Amino acid sequence: MESGPAIFAGVVFALFGGALLVWTGTRLRRGEPVAQGVSQVASATLASLAAVVALGLAAYCLTRL
């Protein structure tokens, strides 16, 4: 009964983390800022860290089935 919400949460975390990594990489490759008014290195680091955390949460949710 609890596997449904775990699968849903895992998929949502995986989609968010993957999309954030792709978006951050695309912005960096084009030389565009990741966040307005913030150092490019700091914003890219923070966005990448958030994406990795989201992917880690996805892995955690999907392995707890």
PDB file of N, CA and C in Angstrom:
ATOM      1  N   MET A   1       0.809  -1.176   0.000  1.00  0.00           N
ATOM      2  CA  MET A   1       0.000   0.000   0.000  1.00  0.00           C
ATOM      3  C   MET A   1       0.862   1.254   0.000  1.00  0.00           C
ATOM      4  N   GLU A   2       2.023   1.193   0.619  1.00  0.00           N
ATOM      5  CA  GLU A   2       2.872   2.377   0.689  1.00  0.00           C
ATOM      6  C   GLU A   2       3.785   2.524  -0.519  1.00  0.00           C
ATOM      7  N   SER A   3       3.819   1.569  -1.412  1.00  0.00           N
ATOM      8  CA  SER A   3       4.740   1.658  -2.542  1.00  0.00           C
ATOM      9  C   SER A   3       4.284   2.684  -3.571  1.00  0.00           C
ATOM     10  N   GLY A   4       2.998   2.939  -3.690  1.00  0.00           N
ATOM     11  CA  GLY A   4       2.492   3.921  -4.650  1.00  0.00           C
ATOM     12  C   GLY A   4       3.040   5.319  -4.397  1.00  0.00           C
ATOM     13  N   PRO A   5       2.891   5.849  -3.168  1.00  0.00           N
ATOM     14  CA  PRO A   5       3.447   7.173  -2.888  1.00  0.00           C
ATOM     15  C   PRO A   5       4.975   7.223  -3.001  1.00  0.00           C
ATOM     16  N   ALA A   6       5.645   6.133  -2.654  1.00  0.00           N
ATOM     17  CA  ALA A   6       7.103   6.106  -2.760  1.00  0.00           C
ATOM     18  C   ALA A   6       7.547   6.159  -4.214  1.00  0.00           C
ATOM     19  N   ILE A   7       6.841   5.449  -5.073  1.00  0.00           N
ATOM     20  CA  ILE A   7       7.171   5.491  -6.505  1.00  0.00           C
ATOM     21  C   ILE A   7       6.917   6.874  -7.060  1.00  0.00           C
ATOM     22  N   PHE A   8       5.777   7.470  -6.699  1.00  0.00           N
ATOM     23  CA  PHE A   8       5.451   8.815  -7.180  1.00  0.00           C
ATOM     24  C   PHE A   8       6.499   9.828  -6.732  1.00  0.00           C
ATOM     25  N   ALA A   9       6.838   9.810  -5.451  1.00  0.00           N
ATOM     26  CA  ALA A   9       7.827  10.756  -4.932  1.00  0.00           C
ATOM     27  C   ALA A   9       9.193  10.530  -5.589  1.00  0.00           C
ATOM     28  N   GLY A  10       9.576   9.279  -5.761  1.00  0.00           N
ATOM     29  CA  GLY A  10      10.855   8.976  -6.396  1.00  0.00           C
ATOM     30  C   GLY A  10      10.922   9.473  -7.827  1.00  0.00           C
ATOM     31  N   VAL A  11       9.844   9.295  -8.576  1.00  0.00           N
ATOM     32  CA  VAL A  11       9.818   9.756  -9.964  1.00  0.00           C
ATOM     33  C   VAL A  11       9.848  11.280 -10.024  1.00  0.00           C
ATOM     34  N   VAL A  12       9.116  11.942  -9.136  1.00  0.00           N
ATOM     35  CA  VAL A  12       9.119  13.405  -9.116  1.00  0.00           C
ATOM     36  C   VAL A  12      10.509  13.936  -8.786  1.00  0.00           C
ATOM     37  N   PHE A  13      11.152  13.366  -7.775  1.00  0.00           N
ATOM     38  CA  PHE A  13      12.512  13.790  -7.430  1.00  0.00           C
ATOM     39  C   PHE A  13      13.478  13.536  -8.584  1.00  0.00           C
ATOM     40  N   ALA A  14      13.346  12.403  -9.249  1.00  0.00           N
ATOM     41  CA  ALA A  14      14.237  12.072 -10.360  1.00  0.00           C
ATOM     42  C   ALA A  14      14.043  13.040 -11.528  1.00  0.00           C
ATOM     43  N   LEU A  15      12.811  13.339 -11.861  1.00  0.00           N
ATOM     44  CA  LEU A  15      12.549  14.282 -12.951  1.00  0.00           C
ATOM     45  C   LEU A  15      13.063  15.681 -12.622  1.00  0.00           C
ATOM     46  N   PHE A  16      12.823  16.134 -11.390  1.00  0.00           N
ATOM     47  CA  PHE A  16      13.289  17.455 -10.993  1.00  0.00           C
ATOM     48  C   PHE A  16      14.808  17.523 -10.996  1.00  0.00           C
ATOM     49  N   GLY A  17      15.466  16.542 -10.390  1.00  0.00           N
ATOM     50  CA  GLY A  17      16.925  16.545 -10.328  1.00  0.00           C
ATOM     51  C   GLY A  17      17.563  16.461 -11.701  1.00  0.00           C
ATOM     52  N   GLY A  18      17.028  15.595 -12.557  1.00  0.00           N
ATOM     53  CA  GLY A  18      17.566  15.473 -13.907  1.00  0.00           C
ATOM     54  C   GLY A  18      17.366  16.737 -14.725  1.00  0.00           C
ATOM     55  N   ALA A  19      16.178  17.319 -14.634  1.00  0.00           N
ATOM     56  CA  ALA A  19      15.902  18.550 -15.380  1.00  0.00           C
ATOM     57  C   ALA A  19      16.768  19.700 -14.882  1.00  0.00           C
ATOM     58  N   LEU A  20      16.971  19.782 -13.585  1.00  0.00           N
ATOM     59  CA  LEU A  20      17.811  20.849 -13.041  1.00  0.00           C
ATOM     60  C   LEU A  20      19.258  20.696 -13.475  1.00  0.00           C
ATOM     61  N   LEU A  21      19.760  19.468 -13.518  1.00  0.00           N
ATOM     62  CA  LEU A  21      21.130  19.248 -14.000  1.00  0.00           C
ATOM     63  C   LEU A  21      21.277  19.608 -15.471  1.00  0.00           C
ATOM     64  N   VAL A  22      20.305  19.224 -16.279  1.00  0.00           N
ATOM     65  CA  VAL A  22      20.353  19.547 -17.709  1.00  0.00           C
ATOM     66  C   VAL A  22      20.274  21.052 -17.914  1.00  0.00           C
ATOM     67  N   TRP A  23      19.373  21.715 -17.207  1.00  0.00           N
ATOM     68  CA  TRP A  23      19.208  23.165 -17.341  1.00  0.00           C
ATOM     69  C   TRP A  23      20.475  23.910 -16.909  1.00  0.00           C
ATOM     70  N   THR A  24      21.049  23.498 -15.792  1.00  0.00           N
ATOM     71  CA  THR A  24      22.268  24.147 -15.302  1.00  0.00           C
ATOM     72  C   THR A  24      23.416  23.945 -16.284  1.00  0.00           C
ATOM     73  N   GLY A  25      23.566  22.734 -16.787  1.00  0.00           N
ATOM     74  CA  GLY A  25      24.622  22.461 -17.762  1.00  0.00           C
ATOM     75  C   GLY A  25      24.446  23.258 -19.042  1.00  0.00           C
ATOM     76  N   THR A  26      23.210  23.383 -19.502  1.00  0.00           N
ATOM     77  CA  THR A  26      22.944  24.160 -20.714  1.00  0.00           C
ATOM     78  C   THR A  26      23.272  25.633 -20.507  1.00  0.00           C
ATOM     79  N   ARG A  27      22.875  26.170 -19.369  1.00  0.00           N
ATOM     80  CA  ARG A  27      23.168  27.584 -19.082  1.00  0.00           C
ATOM     81  C   ARG A  27      24.683  27.818 -18.991  1.00  0.00           C
ATOM     82  N   LEU A  28      25.395  26.899 -18.377  1.00  0.00           N
ATOM     83  CA  LEU A  28      26.843  27.067 -18.251  1.00  0.00           C
ATOM     84  C   LEU A  28      27.534  26.941 -19.603  1.00  0.00           C
ATOM     85  N   ARG A  29      27.094  26.005 -20.433  1.00  0.00           N
ATOM     86  CA  ARG A  29      27.702  25.807 -21.746  1.00  0.00           C
ATOM     87  C   ARG A  29      27.516  27.036 -22.629  1.00  0.00           C
ATOM     88  N   ARG A  30      26.372  27.696 -22.500  1.00  0.00           N
ATOM     89  CA  ARG A  30      26.103  28.896 -23.288  1.00  0.00           C
ATOM     90  C   ARG A  30      26.745  30.149 -22.700  1.00  0.00           C
ATOM     91  N   GLY A  31      27.250  30.061 -21.480  1.00  0.00           N
ATOM     92  CA  GLY A  31      27.866  31.208 -20.830  1.00  0.00           C
ATOM     93  C   GLY A  31      26.853  32.169 -20.230  1.00  0.00           C
ATOM     94  N   GLU A  32      25.621  31.715 -20.063  1.00  0.00           N
ATOM     95  CA  GLU A  32      24.566  32.540 -19.491  1.00  0.00           C
ATOM     96  C   GLU A  32      24.526  32.340 -17.981  1.00  0.00           C
ATOM     97  N   PRO A  33      24.019  33.338 -17.258  1.00  0.00           N
ATOM     98  CA  PRO A  33      23.974  33.192 -15.796  1.00  0.00           C
ATOM     99  C   PRO A  33      22.934  32.147 -15.378  1.00  0.00           C
ATOM    100  N   VAL A  34      23.249  31.427 -14.332  1.00  0.00           N
ATOM    101  CA  VAL A  34      22.319  30.442 -13.792  1.00  0.00           C
ATOM    102  C   VAL A  34      21.269  31.154 -12.938  1.00  0.00           C
ATOM    103  N   ALA A  35      21.685  32.186 -12.208  1.00  0.00           N
ATOM    104  CA  ALA A  35      20.781  33.014 -11.408  1.00  0.00           C
ATOM    105  C   ALA A  35      21.216  34.467 -11.567  1.00  0.00           C
ATOM    106  N   GLN A  36      20.245  35.347 -11.652  1.00  0.00           N
ATOM    107  CA  GLN A  36      20.542  36.768 -11.840  1.00  0.00           C
ATOM    108  C   GLN A  36      21.105  37.368 -10.555  1.00  0.00           C
ATOM    109  N   GLY A  37      22.158  38.162 -10.689  1.00  0.00           N
ATOM    110  CA  GLY A  37      22.715  38.899  -9.566  1.00  0.00           C
ATOM    111  C   GLY A  37      23.566  38.082  -8.617  1.00  0.00           C
ATOM    112  N   VAL A  38      23.927  36.871  -9.002  1.00  0.00           N
ATOM    113  CA  VAL A  38      24.730  36.005  -8.138  1.00  0.00           C
ATOM    114  C   VAL A  38      25.935  35.538  -8.940  1.00  0.00           C
ATOM    115  N   SER A  39      27.019  35.291  -8.263  1.00  0.00           N
ATOM    116  CA  SER A  39      28.206  34.762  -8.921  1.00  0.00           C
ATOM    117  C   SER A  39      27.855  33.496  -9.686  1.00  0.00           C
ATOM    118  N   GLN A  40      28.385  33.373 -10.893  1.00  0.00           N
ATOM    119  CA  GLN A  40      28.068  32.211 -11.736  1.00  0.00           C
ATOM    120  C   GLN A  40      28.570  30.917 -11.098  1.00  0.00           C
ATOM    121  N   VAL A  41      29.718  30.968 -10.470  1.00  0.00           N
ATOM    122  CA  VAL A  41      30.261  29.766  -9.827  1.00  0.00           C
ATOM    123  C   VAL A  41      29.392  29.353  -8.644  1.00  0.00           C
ATOM    124  N   ALA A  42      29.001  30.336  -7.822  1.00  0.00           N
ATOM    125  CA  ALA A  42      28.183  30.016  -6.648  1.00  0.00           C
ATOM    126  C   ALA A  42      26.811  29.488  -7.049  1.00  0.00           C
ATOM    127  N   SER A  43      26.176  30.113  -8.031  1.00  0.00           N
ATOM    128  CA  SER A  43      24.842  29.677  -8.430  1.00  0.00           C
ATOM    129  C   SER A  43      24.880  28.315  -9.114  1.00  0.00           C
ATOM    130  N   ALA A  44      25.903  28.056  -9.925  1.00  0.00           N
ATOM    131  CA  ALA A  44      26.023  26.747 -10.569  1.00  0.00           C
ATOM    132  C   ALA A  44      26.296  25.665  -9.539  1.00  0.00           C
ATOM    133  N   THR A  45      27.105  25.965  -8.557  1.00  0.00           N
ATOM    134  CA  THR A  45      27.401  24.999  -7.501  1.00  0.00           C
ATOM    135  C   THR A  45      26.155  24.676  -6.692  1.00  0.00           C
ATOM    136  N   LEU A  46      25.408  25.701  -6.317  1.00  0.00           N
ATOM    137  CA  LEU A  46      24.199  25.487  -5.522  1.00  0.00           C
ATOM    138  C   LEU A  46      23.138  24.727  -6.316  1.00  0.00           C
ATOM    139  N   ALA A  47      22.965  25.071  -7.592  1.00  0.00           N
ATOM    140  CA  ALA A  47      21.978  24.371  -8.421  1.00  0.00           C
ATOM    141  C   ALA A  47      22.382  22.914  -8.629  1.00  0.00           C
ATOM    142  N   SER A  48      23.656  22.675  -8.860  1.00  0.00           N
ATOM    143  CA  SER A  48      24.125  21.299  -9.032  1.00  0.00           C
ATOM    144  C   SER A  48      23.968  20.496  -7.754  1.00  0.00           C
ATOM    145  N   LEU A  49      24.245  21.117  -6.628  1.00  0.00           N
ATOM    146  CA  LEU A  49      24.080  20.441  -5.342  1.00  0.00           C
ATOM    147  C   LEU A  49      22.611  20.092  -5.100  1.00  0.00           C
ATOM    148  N   ALA A  50      21.714  21.012  -5.407  1.00  0.00           N
ATOM    149  CA  ALA A  50      20.281  20.741  -5.239  1.00  0.00           C
ATOM    150  C   ALA A  50      19.842  19.599  -6.158  1.00  0.00           C
ATOM    151  N   ALA A  51      20.375  19.556  -7.370  1.00  0.00           N
ATOM    152  CA  ALA A  51      20.023  18.483  -8.307  1.00  0.00           C
ATOM    153  C   ALA A  51      20.524  17.138  -7.812  1.00  0.00           C
ATOM    154  N   VAL A  52      21.736  17.097  -7.293  1.00  0.00           N
ATOM    155  CA  VAL A  52      22.292  15.844  -6.783  1.00  0.00           C
ATOM    156  C   VAL A  52      21.516  15.375  -5.547  1.00  0.00           C
ATOM    157  N   VAL A  53      21.115  16.306  -4.700  1.00  0.00           N
ATOM    158  CA  VAL A  53      20.310  15.938  -3.532  1.00  0.00           C
ATOM    159  C   VAL A  53      18.965  15.363  -3.968  1.00  0.00           C
ATOM    160  N   ALA A  54      18.339  15.990  -4.964  1.00  0.00           N
ATOM    161  CA  ALA A  54      17.059  15.493  -5.470  1.00  0.00           C
ATOM    162  C   ALA A  54      17.218  14.096  -6.071  1.00  0.00           C
ATOM    163  N   LEU A  55      18.290  13.869  -6.811  1.00  0.00           N
ATOM    164  CA  LEU A  55      18.524  12.537  -7.379  1.00  0.00           C
ATOM    165  C   LEU A  55      18.821  11.516  -6.283  1.00  0.00           C
ATOM    166  N   GLY A  56      19.493  11.943  -5.243  1.00  0.00           N
ATOM    167  CA  GLY A  56      19.735  11.046  -4.105  1.00  0.00           C
ATOM    168  C   GLY A  56      18.444  10.691  -3.391  1.00  0.00           C
ATOM    169  N   LEU A  57      17.559  11.666  -3.224  1.00  0.00           N
ATOM    170  CA  LEU A  57      16.252  11.384  -2.625  1.00  0.00           C
ATOM    171  C   LEU A  57      15.426  10.457  -3.504  1.00  0.00           C
ATOM    172  N   ALA A  58      15.546  10.625  -4.821  1.00  0.00           N
ATOM    173  CA  ALA A  58      14.843   9.724  -5.738  1.00  0.00           C
ATOM    174  C   ALA A  58      15.346   8.298  -5.563  1.00  0.00           C
ATOM    175  N   ALA A  59      16.642   8.142  -5.498  1.00  0.00           N
ATOM    176  CA  ALA A  59      17.212   6.815  -5.311  1.00  0.00           C
ATOM    177  C   ALA A  59      16.765   6.218  -3.983  1.00  0.00           C
ATOM    178  N   TYR A  60      16.727   7.028  -2.944  1.00  0.00           N
ATOM    179  CA  TYR A  60      16.300   6.561  -1.637  1.00  0.00           C
ATOM    180  C   TYR A  60      14.831   6.101  -1.680  1.00  0.00           C
ATOM    181  N   CYS A  61      13.974   6.912  -2.288  1.00  0.00           N
ATOM    182  CA  CYS A  61      12.551   6.558  -2.371  1.00  0.00           C
ATOM    183  C   CYS A  61      12.338   5.289  -3.192  1.00  0.00           C
ATOM    184  N   LEU A  62      13.050   5.176  -4.275  1.00  0.00           N
ATOM    185  CA  LEU A  62      12.829   4.035  -5.160  1.00  0.00           C
ATOM    186  C   LEU A  62      13.459   2.739  -4.641  1.00  0.00           C
ATOM    187  N   THR A  63      14.438   2.849  -3.763  1.00  0.00           N
ATOM    188  CA  THR A  63      15.012   1.629  -3.182  1.00  0.00           C
ATOM    189  C   THR A  63      14.277   1.182  -1.939  1.00  0.00           C
ATOM    190  N   ARG A  64      13.349   1.961  -1.436  1.00  0.00           N
ATOM    191  CA  ARG A  64      12.588   1.607  -0.234  1.00  0.00           C
ATOM    192  C   ARG A  64      11.277   0.918  -0.566  1.00  0.00           C
ATOM    193  N   LEU A  65      11.157   0.390  -1.767  1.00  0.00           N
ATOM    194  CA  LEU A  65       9.928  -0.301  -2.159  1.00  0.00           C
ATOM    195  C   LEU A  65       9.960  -1.652  -1.567  1.00  0.00           C
TER     196      LEU A  65
END
